[in-house]
Amino acid sequence: MKIVPISLPTPFYIGPVNVYLIPEDPVTLIDTGPKTKEAVETLRAALRREGLSVADIRRIVLTHAHEDHCGLARALRDEARDAEVLVHDWETGHRAGRLEYEDHRQLLVRAGVPRDEVEVMRKMYEGVRQYADSLDDDHCGELTDEAELDFESGALQVVHTPGHTPGSCSFVRQADRTVIAGDCVLKRITPNPILSPDPIDRSRRFRSLEEYLVSLARVRSLAPTLVLGGHGEPVHDYEELFNRYLRSIRERQTQIISLVPKNGASAWEVSRAMFPNADDVHRFLAVSEAVAHLDYAHSEGKLALEISDGSELYRRLSSD
């Protein structure tokens, strides 16, 4: 079973996105790139090199529902005469036709983000959402953990790897232990654990960093020989990267805990202390990272958590 990597341009700070084509029956595209003219043209050229066109695509599989990975899904589905679209049931955002903005707004307020900043983040998202057409529930089939995607000469097994988003999925070709990992594994950077509502109870926050650590260990248990990520180069030595990730996460934990004063601080205050020069989308990413690490530190008994006027306050423990 052949896997063809295709690098597509994006308008986002992280740079080009990797999508993956399996050019055999049923012709399958794993992720689609953003809804831009440049991405469409690059994708069409890559399909032509394989003797294919968009009309030949029978299945579109999404690692997760961020704009740079899912933006073209609906347009490709329509042009390919109703190709099947598969995504995990825990993915929100464009899978559901819109981001559940009210849920996210409440999470930001609880994290201590000032209301004027919340409005700035909302307007920022309005600019980002142009790069993806929404997908309604009846447009999508469900990816389930350990299910198999069958092809003419092999199969990919679905591996649910939550963390970056609740419904993030990876796919393993067992014959040679190649893993297509989306944004779960990136060679040059540690993926950001995005602030998200819990998919089971949307009044709660998804514990992204704790889930992400479990997902990294699960990928390790597959003993991958090659990991194909959503951005950047392939990973040939996952064990080295796994240990580098753990060191980076431990160092960030230490840094974040040191930024929490004894009289307490919100996740927003910690994020501004950690990334004082962050602007635009990076402010949202910064508060996402702060929340993820503060949640993890609290679950490990390293910080106390209090609720005051609808905002969460983290405090140093007396022994610190």
C-alpha atoms as a PDB file:
ATOM      1  CA  MET A   1       0.000   0.000   0.000  1.00  0.00           C
ATOM      2  CA  LYS A   2       1.625   3.215  -1.212  1.00  0.00           C
ATOM      3  CA  ILE A   3       1.464   6.426   0.854  1.00  0.00           C
ATOM      4  CA  VAL A   4       2.181   9.629  -1.076  1.00  0.00           C
ATOM      5  CA  PRO A   5       3.029  12.728   1.027  1.00  0.00           C
ATOM      6  CA  ILE A   6       1.860  16.062  -0.395  1.00  0.00           C
ATOM      7  CA  SER A   7       2.967  19.414   1.077  1.00  0.00           C
ATOM      8  CA  LEU A   8       0.372  22.171   0.671  1.00  0.00           C
ATOM      9  CA  PRO A   9       0.871  25.899   1.315  1.00  0.00           C
ATOM     10  CA  THR A  10      -1.116  27.498   4.131  1.00  0.00           C
ATOM     11  CA  PRO A  11      -1.657  31.106   5.257  1.00  0.00           C
ATOM     12  CA  PHE A  12      -0.901  30.113   8.860  1.00  0.00           C
ATOM     13  CA  TYR A  13       2.219  30.775  10.924  1.00  0.00           C
ATOM     14  CA  ILE A  14       3.143  27.094  11.189  1.00  0.00           C
ATOM     15  CA  GLY A  15       3.748  26.872   7.446  1.00  0.00           C
ATOM     16  CA  PRO A  16       2.921  24.120   4.925  1.00  0.00           C
ATOM     17  CA  VAL A  17       0.662  21.239   5.908  1.00  0.00           C
ATOM     18  CA  ASN A  18       1.301  17.618   4.993  1.00  0.00           C
ATOM     19  CA  VAL A  19      -1.577  15.596   3.565  1.00  0.00           C
ATOM     20  CA  TYR A  20      -1.285  11.974   2.496  1.00  0.00           C
ATOM     21  CA  LEU A  21      -2.677  10.231  -0.581  1.00  0.00           C
ATOM     22  CA  ILE A  22      -3.249   6.492  -0.861  1.00  0.00           C
ATOM     23  CA  PRO A  23      -3.612   6.106  -4.647  1.00  0.00           C
ATOM     24  CA  GLU A  24      -5.350   2.740  -4.753  1.00  0.00           C
ATOM     25  CA  ASP A  25      -8.908   1.537  -4.410  1.00  0.00           C
ATOM     26  CA  PRO A  26     -10.575   3.248  -2.645  1.00  0.00           C
ATOM     27  CA  VAL A  27      -8.472   6.351  -3.431  1.00  0.00           C
ATOM     28  CA  THR A  28      -8.095   8.097  -0.076  1.00  0.00           C
ATOM     29  CA  LEU A  29      -6.830  11.493   1.048  1.00  0.00           C
ATOM     30  CA  ILE A  30      -5.779  11.884   4.692  1.00  0.00           C
ATOM     31  CA  ASP A  31      -6.354  15.573   5.511  1.00  0.00           C
ATOM     32  CA  THR A  32      -7.057  18.120   2.803  1.00  0.00           C
ATOM     33  CA  GLY A  33      -5.238  21.401   3.466  1.00  0.00           C
ATOM     34  CA  PRO A  34      -6.934  24.810   3.853  1.00  0.00           C
ATOM     35  CA  LYS A  35      -9.518  26.318   1.534  1.00  0.00           C
ATOM     36  CA  THR A  36      -7.181  28.477  -0.556  1.00  0.00           C
ATOM     37  CA  LYS A  37      -6.532  28.712  -4.289  1.00  0.00           C
ATOM     38  CA  GLU A  38      -2.854  27.854  -3.774  1.00  0.00           C
ATOM     39  CA  ALA A  39      -3.641  24.690  -1.783  1.00  0.00           C
ATOM     40  CA  VAL A  40      -6.201  23.497  -4.354  1.00  0.00           C
ATOM     41  CA  GLU A  41      -3.827  24.045  -7.261  1.00  0.00           C
ATOM     42  CA  THR A  42      -0.965  22.261  -5.499  1.00  0.00           C
ATOM     43  CA  LEU A  43      -3.216  19.330  -4.600  1.00  0.00           C
ATOM     44  CA  ARG A  44      -4.552  18.997  -8.161  1.00  0.00           C
ATOM     45  CA  ALA A  45      -0.995  18.935  -9.524  1.00  0.00           C
ATOM     46  CA  ALA A  46       0.005  16.220  -7.046  1.00  0.00           C
ATOM     47  CA  LEU A  47      -3.022  14.104  -8.025  1.00  0.00           C
ATOM     48  CA  ARG A  48      -2.154  14.482 -11.728  1.00  0.00           C
ATOM     49  CA  ARG A  49       1.350  13.165 -11.045  1.00  0.00           C
ATOM     50  CA  GLU A  50      -0.304   9.978  -9.780  1.00  0.00           C
ATOM     51  CA  GLY A  51      -2.625   9.811 -12.786  1.00  0.00           C
ATOM     52  CA  LEU A  52      -5.602  10.884 -10.697  1.00  0.00           C
ATOM     53  CA  SER A  53      -8.033  13.788 -10.335  1.00  0.00           C
ATOM     54  CA  VAL A  54     -10.272  15.000  -7.524  1.00  0.00           C
ATOM     55  CA  ALA A  55     -13.126  13.017  -9.093  1.00  0.00           C
ATOM     56  CA  ASP A  56     -11.216   9.801  -8.312  1.00  0.00           C
ATOM     57  CA  ILE A  57     -11.161  10.427  -4.537  1.00  0.00           C
ATOM     58  CA  ARG A  58     -13.543   8.039  -2.800  1.00  0.00           C
ATOM     59  CA  ARG A  59     -12.616   8.672   0.847  1.00  0.00           C
ATOM     60  CA  ILE A  60     -11.443  11.716   2.828  1.00  0.00           C
ATOM     61  CA  VAL A  61     -10.068  10.966   6.301  1.00  0.00           C
ATOM     62  CA  LEU A  62      -9.399  13.787   8.798  1.00  0.00           C
ATOM     63  CA  THR A  63      -6.798  13.557  11.541  1.00  0.00           C
ATOM     64  CA  HIS A  64      -8.576  16.504  13.192  1.00  0.00           C
ATOM     65  CA  ALA A  65     -10.792  19.456  12.303  1.00  0.00           C
ATOM     66  CA  HIS A  66      -8.464  22.466  12.273  1.00  0.00           C
ATOM     67  CA  GLU A  67      -8.690  24.693   9.217  1.00  0.00           C
ATOM     68  CA  ASP A  68      -5.288  23.793   7.793  1.00  0.00           C
ATOM     69  CA  HIS A  69      -6.190  20.098   7.897  1.00  0.00           C
ATOM     70  CA  CYS A  70      -9.900  20.015   7.028  1.00  0.00           C
ATOM     71  CA  GLY A  71     -10.536  23.223   5.080  1.00  0.00           C
ATOM     72  CA  LEU A  72     -11.075  21.640   1.646  1.00  0.00           C
ATOM     73  CA  ALA A  73     -13.020  18.603   2.855  1.00  0.00           C
ATOM     74  CA  ARG A  74     -16.462  19.761   1.809  1.00  0.00           C
ATOM     75  CA  ALA A  75     -15.386  21.143  -1.586  1.00  0.00           C
ATOM     76  CA  LEU A  76     -13.443  17.970  -2.410  1.00  0.00           C
ATOM     77  CA  ARG A  77     -16.318  15.783  -1.225  1.00  0.00           C
ATOM     78  CA  ASP A  78     -18.707  17.622  -3.545  1.00  0.00           C
ATOM     79  CA  GLU A  79     -16.371  17.613  -6.551  1.00  0.00           C
ATOM     80  CA  ALA A  80     -15.623  13.929  -6.040  1.00  0.00           C
ATOM     81  CA  ARG A  81     -19.360  13.156  -6.210  1.00  0.00           C
ATOM     82  CA  ASP A  82     -19.995  12.532  -2.522  1.00  0.00           C
ATOM     83  CA  ALA A  83     -16.748  10.920  -1.428  1.00  0.00           C
ATOM     84  CA  GLU A  84     -16.998   9.534   2.099  1.00  0.00           C
ATOM     85  CA  VAL A  85     -15.664  11.860   4.836  1.00  0.00           C
ATOM     86  CA  LEU A  86     -14.488  10.217   8.070  1.00  0.00           C
ATOM     87  CA  VAL A  87     -13.632  11.971  11.353  1.00  0.00           C
ATOM     88  CA  HIS A  88     -13.665  11.010  15.021  1.00  0.00           C
ATOM     89  CA  ASP A  89     -16.905  11.733  16.879  1.00  0.00           C
ATOM     90  CA  TRP A  90     -15.036  13.827  19.471  1.00  0.00           C
ATOM     91  CA  GLU A  91     -13.931  16.385  16.875  1.00  0.00           C
ATOM     92  CA  THR A  92     -15.892  19.619  17.073  1.00  0.00           C
ATOM     93  CA  GLY A  93     -15.423  22.725  14.966  1.00  0.00           C
ATOM     94  CA  HIS A  94     -16.145  22.347  11.282  1.00  0.00           C
ATOM     95  CA  ARG A  95     -17.359  18.800  11.679  1.00  0.00           C
ATOM     96  CA  ALA A  96     -20.418  20.230  13.415  1.00  0.00           C
ATOM     97  CA  GLY A  97     -20.906  23.072  10.970  1.00  0.00           C
ATOM     98  CA  ARG A  98     -19.530  25.730  13.316  1.00  0.00           C
ATOM     99  CA  LEU A  99     -17.283  26.122  16.317  1.00  0.00           C
ATOM    100  CA  GLU A 100     -19.228  26.007  19.560  1.00  0.00           C
ATOM    101  CA  TYR A 101     -18.158  29.553  20.283  1.00  0.00           C
ATOM    102  CA  GLU A 102     -20.198  29.973  23.463  1.00  0.00           C
ATOM    103  CA  ASP A 103     -18.502  26.905  24.977  1.00  0.00           C
ATOM    104  CA  HIS A 104     -15.076  28.314  24.107  1.00  0.00           C
ATOM    105  CA  ARG A 105     -16.006  31.776  25.389  1.00  0.00           C
ATOM    106  CA  GLN A 106     -16.943  30.334  28.764  1.00  0.00           C
ATOM    107  CA  LEU A 107     -13.650  28.428  28.945  1.00  0.00           C
ATOM    108  CA  LEU A 108     -11.696  31.608  28.188  1.00  0.00           C
ATOM    109  CA  VAL A 109     -13.603  33.571  30.845  1.00  0.00           C
ATOM    110  CA  ARG A 110     -12.901  30.820  33.390  1.00  0.00           C
ATOM    111  CA  ALA A 111      -9.213  31.021  32.441  1.00  0.00           C
ATOM    112  CA  GLY A 112      -9.269  34.700  33.425  1.00  0.00           C
ATOM    113  CA  VAL A 113      -9.111  36.156  29.924  1.00  0.00           C
ATOM    114  CA  PRO A 114     -10.521  39.722  30.052  1.00  0.00           C
ATOM    115  CA  ARG A 115     -13.773  40.114  28.144  1.00  0.00           C
ATOM    116  CA  ASP A 116     -12.292  42.601  25.681  1.00  0.00           C
ATOM    117  CA  GLU A 117      -9.548  40.065  24.900  1.00  0.00           C
ATOM    118  CA  VAL A 118     -12.182  37.363  24.422  1.00  0.00           C
ATOM    119  CA  GLU A 119     -13.833  39.599  21.837  1.00  0.00           C
ATOM    120  CA  VAL A 120     -10.493  40.119  20.068  1.00  0.00           C
ATOM    121  CA  MET A 121     -10.031  36.337  19.943  1.00  0.00           C
ATOM    122  CA  ARG A 122     -13.543  35.922  18.525  1.00  0.00           C
ATOM    123  CA  LYS A 123     -12.829  38.412  15.749  1.00  0.00           C
ATOM    124  CA  MET A 124      -9.501  36.709  15.063  1.00  0.00           C
ATOM    125  CA  TYR A 125     -11.301  33.409  14.625  1.00  0.00           C
ATOM    126  CA  GLU A 126     -13.759  34.984  12.207  1.00  0.00           C
ATOM    127  CA  GLY A 127     -10.764  35.718   9.996  1.00  0.00           C
ATOM    128  CA  VAL A 128      -9.454  32.155  10.285  1.00  0.00           C
ATOM    129  CA  ARG A 129     -12.726  30.372   9.574  1.00  0.00           C
ATOM    130  CA  GLN A 130     -12.713  31.567   5.945  1.00  0.00           C
ATOM    131  CA  TYR A 131     -10.167  28.820   5.259  1.00  0.00           C
ATOM    132  CA  ALA A 132     -12.624  25.983   5.926  1.00  0.00           C
ATOM    133  CA  ASP A 133     -16.119  25.122   4.739  1.00  0.00           C
ATOM    134  CA  SER A 134     -18.236  23.628   7.487  1.00  0.00           C
ATOM    135  CA  LEU A 135     -19.195  19.962   7.523  1.00  0.00           C
ATOM    136  CA  ASP A 136     -22.567  18.995   8.966  1.00  0.00           C
ATOM    137  CA  ASP A 137     -23.078  15.733  10.825  1.00  0.00           C
ATOM    138  CA  ASP A 138     -24.738  14.047   7.850  1.00  0.00           C
ATOM    139  CA  HIS A 139     -21.615  14.768   5.759  1.00  0.00           C
ATOM    140  CA  CYS A 140     -19.400  12.599   7.969  1.00  0.00           C
ATOM    141  CA  GLY A 141     -18.868   9.012   8.935  1.00  0.00           C
ATOM    142  CA  GLU A 142     -17.199   8.187  12.250  1.00  0.00           C
ATOM    143  CA  LEU A 143     -13.638   7.048  12.855  1.00  0.00           C
ATOM    144  CA  THR A 144     -13.475   4.613  15.762  1.00  0.00           C
ATOM    145  CA  ASP A 145     -10.410   3.507  17.688  1.00  0.00           C
ATOM    146  CA  GLU A 146      -8.781   0.305  16.357  1.00  0.00           C
ATOM    147  CA  ALA A 147     -11.076   0.140  13.317  1.00  0.00           C
ATOM    148  CA  GLU A 148      -9.398  -0.600   9.992  1.00  0.00           C
ATOM    149  CA  LEU A 149      -9.500   1.377   6.767  1.00  0.00           C
ATOM    150  CA  ASP A 150      -9.239  -1.273   4.069  1.00  0.00           C
ATOM    151  CA  PHE A 151      -7.487  -0.822   0.737  1.00  0.00           C
ATOM    152  CA  GLU A 152      -6.882  -3.053  -2.248  1.00  0.00           C
ATOM    153  CA  SER A 153      -3.458  -4.140  -0.980  1.00  0.00           C
ATOM    154  CA  GLY A 154      -3.517  -3.457   2.756  1.00  0.00           C
ATOM    155  CA  ALA A 155      -5.080  -1.524   5.601  1.00  0.00           C
ATOM    156  CA  LEU A 156      -4.560   1.373   8.001  1.00  0.00           C
ATOM    157  CA  GLN A 157      -5.604   0.939  11.626  1.00  0.00           C
ATOM    158  CA  VAL A 158      -7.212   3.906  13.375  1.00  0.00           C
ATOM    159  CA  VAL A 159      -5.518   4.962  16.614  1.00  0.00           C
ATOM    160  CA  HIS A 160      -7.329   7.603  18.665  1.00  0.00           C
ATOM    161  CA  THR A 161      -4.581   9.982  19.887  1.00  0.00           C
ATOM    162  CA  PRO A 162      -6.336  12.853  21.715  1.00  0.00           C
ATOM    163  CA  GLY A 163      -4.420  15.822  23.076  1.00  0.00           C
ATOM    164  CA  HIS A 164      -3.897  18.427  20.368  1.00  0.00           C
ATOM    165  CA  THR A 165      -7.674  18.144  19.965  1.00  0.00           C
ATOM    166  CA  PRO A 166     -10.103  15.710  21.627  1.00  0.00           C
ATOM    167  CA  GLY A 167     -10.767  13.750  18.434  1.00  0.00           C
ATOM    168  CA  SER A 168      -7.261  13.679  16.951  1.00  0.00           C
ATOM    169  CA  CYS A 169      -6.518  10.367  15.244  1.00  0.00           C
ATOM    170  CA  SER A 170      -3.433   8.653  13.875  1.00  0.00           C
ATOM    171  CA  PHE A 171      -3.247   5.777  11.390  1.00  0.00           C
ATOM    172  CA  VAL A 172      -0.800   2.870  11.415  1.00  0.00           C
ATOM    173  CA  ARG A 173       0.258   0.619   8.553  1.00  0.00           C
ATOM    174  CA  GLN A 174       1.044  -2.510  10.543  1.00  0.00           C
ATOM    175  CA  ALA A 175       3.070  -4.158   7.778  1.00  0.00           C
ATOM    176  CA  ASP A 176       6.017  -1.807   8.428  1.00  0.00           C
ATOM    177  CA  ARG A 177       4.760   0.182  11.457  1.00  0.00           C
ATOM    178  CA  THR A 178       4.462   3.464   9.565  1.00  0.00           C
ATOM    179  CA  VAL A 179       2.271   5.942  11.486  1.00  0.00           C
ATOM    180  CA  ILE A 180       0.441   8.921   9.975  1.00  0.00           C
ATOM    181  CA  ALA A 181       0.088  11.095  13.060  1.00  0.00           C
ATOM    182  CA  GLY A 182      -1.401  14.454  12.037  1.00  0.00           C
ATOM    183  CA  ASP A 183      -0.444  17.082  14.619  1.00  0.00           C
ATOM    184  CA  CYS A 184       0.098  14.527  17.389  1.00  0.00           C
ATOM    185  CA  VAL A 185       3.763  14.201  16.369  1.00  0.00           C
ATOM    186  CA  LEU A 186       5.767  17.051  14.800  1.00  0.00           C
ATOM    187  CA  LYS A 187       9.532  16.836  14.394  1.00  0.00           C
ATOM    188  CA  ARG A 188      10.507  20.450  15.068  1.00  0.00           C
ATOM    189  CA  ILE A 189       7.974  21.620  17.669  1.00  0.00           C
ATOM    190  CA  THR A 190       5.879  20.224  20.501  1.00  0.00           C
ATOM    191  CA  PRO A 191       2.221  20.357  19.389  1.00  0.00           C
ATOM    192  CA  ASN A 192       0.064  22.857  21.254  1.00  0.00           C
ATOM    193  CA  PRO A 193      -2.659  21.328  23.482  1.00  0.00           C
ATOM    194  CA  ILE A 194      -5.576  23.473  22.286  1.00  0.00           C
ATOM    195  CA  LEU A 195      -8.149  24.731  24.806  1.00  0.00           C
ATOM    196  CA  SER A 196     -11.318  22.715  24.093  1.00  0.00           C
ATOM    197  CA  PRO A 197     -14.583  21.747  25.793  1.00  0.00           C
ATOM    198  CA  ASP A 198     -14.724  18.163  27.019  1.00  0.00           C
ATOM    199  CA  PRO A 199     -16.528  16.099  24.350  1.00  0.00           C
ATOM    200  CA  ILE A 200     -18.489  14.136  26.975  1.00  0.00           C
ATOM    201  CA  ASP A 201     -19.464  17.074  29.205  1.00  0.00           C
ATOM    202  CA  ARG A 202     -19.135  20.372  27.331  1.00  0.00           C
ATOM    203  CA  SER A 203     -19.484  22.390  30.530  1.00  0.00           C
ATOM    204  CA  ARG A 204     -16.055  21.049  31.508  1.00  0.00           C
ATOM    205  CA  ARG A 205     -12.615  21.545  30.002  1.00  0.00           C
ATOM    206  CA  PHE A 206     -10.854  18.786  28.077  1.00  0.00           C
ATOM    207  CA  ARG A 207      -7.704  17.732  29.958  1.00  0.00           C
ATOM    208  CA  SER A 208      -5.532  18.106  26.892  1.00  0.00           C
ATOM    209  CA  LEU A 209      -2.005  17.666  28.241  1.00  0.00           C
ATOM    210  CA  GLU A 210      -2.850  14.598  30.328  1.00  0.00           C
ATOM    211  CA  GLU A 211      -4.509  12.994  27.312  1.00  0.00           C
ATOM    212  CA  TYR A 212      -1.627  14.009  25.069  1.00  0.00           C
ATOM    213  CA  LEU A 213       0.946  12.280  27.285  1.00  0.00           C
ATOM    214  CA  VAL A 214      -1.114   9.080  27.105  1.00  0.00           C
ATOM    215  CA  SER A 215      -1.289   9.418  23.309  1.00  0.00           C
ATOM    216  CA  LEU A 216       2.483   9.866  23.007  1.00  0.00           C
ATOM    217  CA  ALA A 217       2.970   6.697  25.043  1.00  0.00           C
ATOM    218  CA  ARG A 218       0.458   4.867  22.886  1.00  0.00           C
ATOM    219  CA  VAL A 219       2.292   5.834  19.702  1.00  0.00           C
ATOM    220  CA  ARG A 220       5.492   4.627  21.370  1.00  0.00           C
ATOM    221  CA  SER A 221       3.855   1.265  22.086  1.00  0.00           C
ATOM    222  CA  LEU A 222       3.379   0.832  18.326  1.00  0.00           C
ATOM    223  CA  ALA A 223       7.196   0.811  17.940  1.00  0.00           C
ATOM    224  CA  PRO A 224       6.951   2.992  14.827  1.00  0.00           C
ATOM    225  CA  THR A 225       9.688   2.807  12.214  1.00  0.00           C
ATOM    226  CA  LEU A 226       8.473   6.009  10.539  1.00  0.00           C
ATOM    227  CA  VAL A 227       6.094   8.744  11.713  1.00  0.00           C
ATOM    228  CA  LEU A 228       4.551  11.064   9.139  1.00  0.00           C
ATOM    229  CA  GLY A 229       3.379  14.256  10.848  1.00  0.00           C
ATOM    230  CA  GLY A 230       1.001  17.008   9.861  1.00  0.00           C
ATOM    231  CA  HIS A 231       3.829  19.532   9.351  1.00  0.00           C
ATOM    232  CA  GLY A 232       7.533  19.310   8.661  1.00  0.00           C
ATOM    233  CA  GLU A 233       9.788  16.356   8.010  1.00  0.00           C
ATOM    234  CA  PRO A 234       9.166  12.667   8.729  1.00  0.00           C
ATOM    235  CA  VAL A 235      10.343  11.269  12.077  1.00  0.00           C
ATOM    236  CA  HIS A 236      12.668   8.255  11.758  1.00  0.00           C
ATOM    237  CA  ASP A 237      13.648   8.005  15.443  1.00  0.00           C
ATOM    238  CA  TYR A 238      10.460   8.309  17.463  1.00  0.00           C
ATOM    239  CA  GLU A 239      12.133   7.149  20.687  1.00  0.00           C
ATOM    240  CA  GLU A 240      14.512  10.125  20.591  1.00  0.00           C
ATOM    241  CA  LEU A 241      11.644  12.510  19.844  1.00  0.00           C
ATOM    242  CA  PHE A 242       9.455  10.960  22.558  1.00  0.00           C
ATOM    243  CA  ASN A 243      12.134  11.594  25.184  1.00  0.00           C
ATOM    244  CA  ARG A 244      12.731  15.111  23.849  1.00  0.00           C
ATOM    245  CA  TYR A 245       8.999  15.817  24.163  1.00  0.00           C
ATOM    246  CA  LEU A 246       8.965  14.584  27.763  1.00  0.00           C
ATOM    247  CA  ARG A 247      11.957  16.782  28.667  1.00  0.00           C
ATOM    248  CA  SER A 248      10.325  19.790  27.045  1.00  0.00           C
ATOM    249  CA  ILE A 249       7.033  19.200  28.858  1.00  0.00           C
ATOM    250  CA  ARG A 250       8.809  18.772  32.219  1.00  0.00           C
ATOM    251  CA  GLU A 251      10.772  21.977  31.664  1.00  0.00           C
ATOM    252  CA  ARG A 252       7.627  23.901  30.757  1.00  0.00           C
ATOM    253  CA  GLN A 253       5.882  22.501  33.864  1.00  0.00           C
ATOM    254  CA  THR A 254       8.697  23.776  36.061  1.00  0.00           C
ATOM    255  CA  GLN A 255       8.609  27.171  34.353  1.00  0.00           C
ATOM    256  CA  ILE A 256       4.848  27.561  34.673  1.00  0.00           C
ATOM    257  CA  ILE A 257       4.721  26.501  38.317  1.00  0.00           C
ATOM    258  CA  SER A 258       7.471  29.056  39.074  1.00  0.00           C
ATOM    259  CA  LEU A 259       5.290  31.794  37.517  1.00  0.00           C
ATOM    260  CA  VAL A 260       2.402  31.132  39.931  1.00  0.00           C
ATOM    261  CA  PRO A 261       2.704  33.487  42.921  1.00  0.00           C
ATOM    262  CA  LYS A 262       1.660  32.366  46.391  1.00  0.00           C
ATOM    263  CA  ASN A 263      -1.331  34.695  46.281  1.00  0.00           C
ATOM    264  CA  GLY A 264      -2.478  33.029  43.078  1.00  0.00           C
ATOM    265  CA  ALA A 265      -2.858  33.760  39.375  1.00  0.00           C
ATOM    266  CA  SER A 266      -5.211  32.924  36.549  1.00  0.00           C
ATOM    267  CA  ALA A 267      -4.140  30.972  33.471  1.00  0.00           C
ATOM    268  CA  TRP A 268      -4.346  34.218  31.483  1.00  0.00           C
ATOM    269  CA  GLU A 269      -1.951  35.979  33.880  1.00  0.00           C
ATOM    270  CA  VAL A 270       0.462  33.065  33.722  1.00  0.00           C
ATOM    271  CA  SER A 271       0.310  33.031  29.922  1.00  0.00           C
ATOM    272  CA  ARG A 272       1.108  36.771  29.729  1.00  0.00           C
ATOM    273  CA  ALA A 273       4.058  36.305  32.098  1.00  0.00           C
ATOM    274  CA  MET A 274       5.286  33.349  30.063  1.00  0.00           C
ATOM    275  CA  PHE A 275       4.774  34.913  26.616  1.00  0.00           C
ATOM    276  CA  PRO A 276       4.668  38.711  27.172  1.00  0.00           C
ATOM    277  CA  ASN A 277       5.143  39.513  23.479  1.00  0.00           C
ATOM    278  CA  ALA A 278       2.524  37.111  22.096  1.00  0.00           C
ATOM    279  CA  ASP A 279       0.024  38.716  19.763  1.00  0.00           C
ATOM    280  CA  ASP A 280      -2.920  37.729  17.557  1.00  0.00           C
ATOM    281  CA  VAL A 281      -3.548  33.971  17.492  1.00  0.00           C
ATOM    282  CA  HIS A 282      -0.491  33.383  19.649  1.00  0.00           C
ATOM    283  CA  ARG A 283      -2.346  34.834  22.659  1.00  0.00           C
ATOM    284  CA  PHE A 284      -4.959  32.112  22.327  1.00  0.00           C
ATOM    285  CA  LEU A 285      -2.259  29.462  21.872  1.00  0.00           C
ATOM    286  CA  ALA A 286      -0.406  30.845  24.903  1.00  0.00           C
ATOM    287  CA  VAL A 287      -3.443  30.665  27.185  1.00  0.00           C
ATOM    288  CA  SER A 288      -4.206  27.162  25.822  1.00  0.00           C
ATOM    289  CA  GLU A 289      -0.730  26.020  26.804  1.00  0.00           C
ATOM    290  CA  ALA A 290      -0.921  27.684  30.215  1.00  0.00           C
ATOM    291  CA  VAL A 291      -4.288  26.062  30.985  1.00  0.00           C
ATOM    292  CA  ALA A 292      -3.049  22.639  29.879  1.00  0.00           C
ATOM    293  CA  HIS A 293       0.044  22.784  32.093  1.00  0.00           C
ATOM    294  CA  LEU A 294      -1.778  24.300  35.068  1.00  0.00           C
ATOM    295  CA  ASP A 295      -4.439  21.575  34.860  1.00  0.00           C
ATOM    296  CA  TYR A 296      -1.723  18.933  34.762  1.00  0.00           C
ATOM    297  CA  ALA A 297       0.179  20.480  37.680  1.00  0.00           C
ATOM    298  CA  HIS A 298      -3.051  20.592  39.692  1.00  0.00           C
ATOM    299  CA  SER A 299      -3.841  16.942  38.901  1.00  0.00           C
ATOM    300  CA  GLU A 300      -0.312  16.038  40.058  1.00  0.00           C
ATOM    301  CA  GLY A 301      -0.889  17.814  43.378  1.00  0.00           C
ATOM    302  CA  LYS A 302       1.609  20.596  42.634  1.00  0.00           C
ATOM    303  CA  LEU A 303      -0.873  23.495  42.625  1.00  0.00           C
ATOM    304  CA  ALA A 304      -4.131  24.358  44.359  1.00  0.00           C
ATOM    305  CA  LEU A 305      -7.158  25.527  42.376  1.00  0.00           C
ATOM    306  CA  GLU A 306      -9.869  27.927  43.539  1.00  0.00           C
ATOM    307  CA  ILE A 307     -12.916  29.408  41.787  1.00  0.00           C
ATOM    308  CA  SER A 308     -13.631  33.095  42.361  1.00  0.00           C
ATOM    309  CA  ASP A 309     -16.335  35.074  40.510  1.00  0.00           C
ATOM    310  CA  GLY A 310     -16.408  32.520  37.706  1.00  0.00           C
ATOM    311  CA  SER A 311     -12.634  32.653  37.198  1.00  0.00           C
ATOM    312  CA  GLU A 312     -10.139  29.965  38.163  1.00  0.00           C
ATOM    313  CA  LEU A 313      -7.200  30.899  40.359  1.00  0.00           C
ATOM    314  CA  TYR A 314      -4.146  28.675  40.783  1.00  0.00           C
ATOM    315  CA  ARG A 315      -2.075  28.952  43.963  1.00  0.00           C
ATOM    316  CA  ARG A 316       1.254  27.633  45.112  1.00  0.00           C
ATOM    317  CA  LEU A 317       0.980  25.004  47.797  1.00  0.00           C
ATOM    318  CA  SER A 318       2.335  25.996  51.191  1.00  0.00           C
ATOM    319  CA  SER A 319       5.199  23.498  50.916  1.00  0.00           C
ATOM    320  CA  ASP A 320       6.541  25.218  47.730  1.00  0.00           C
END
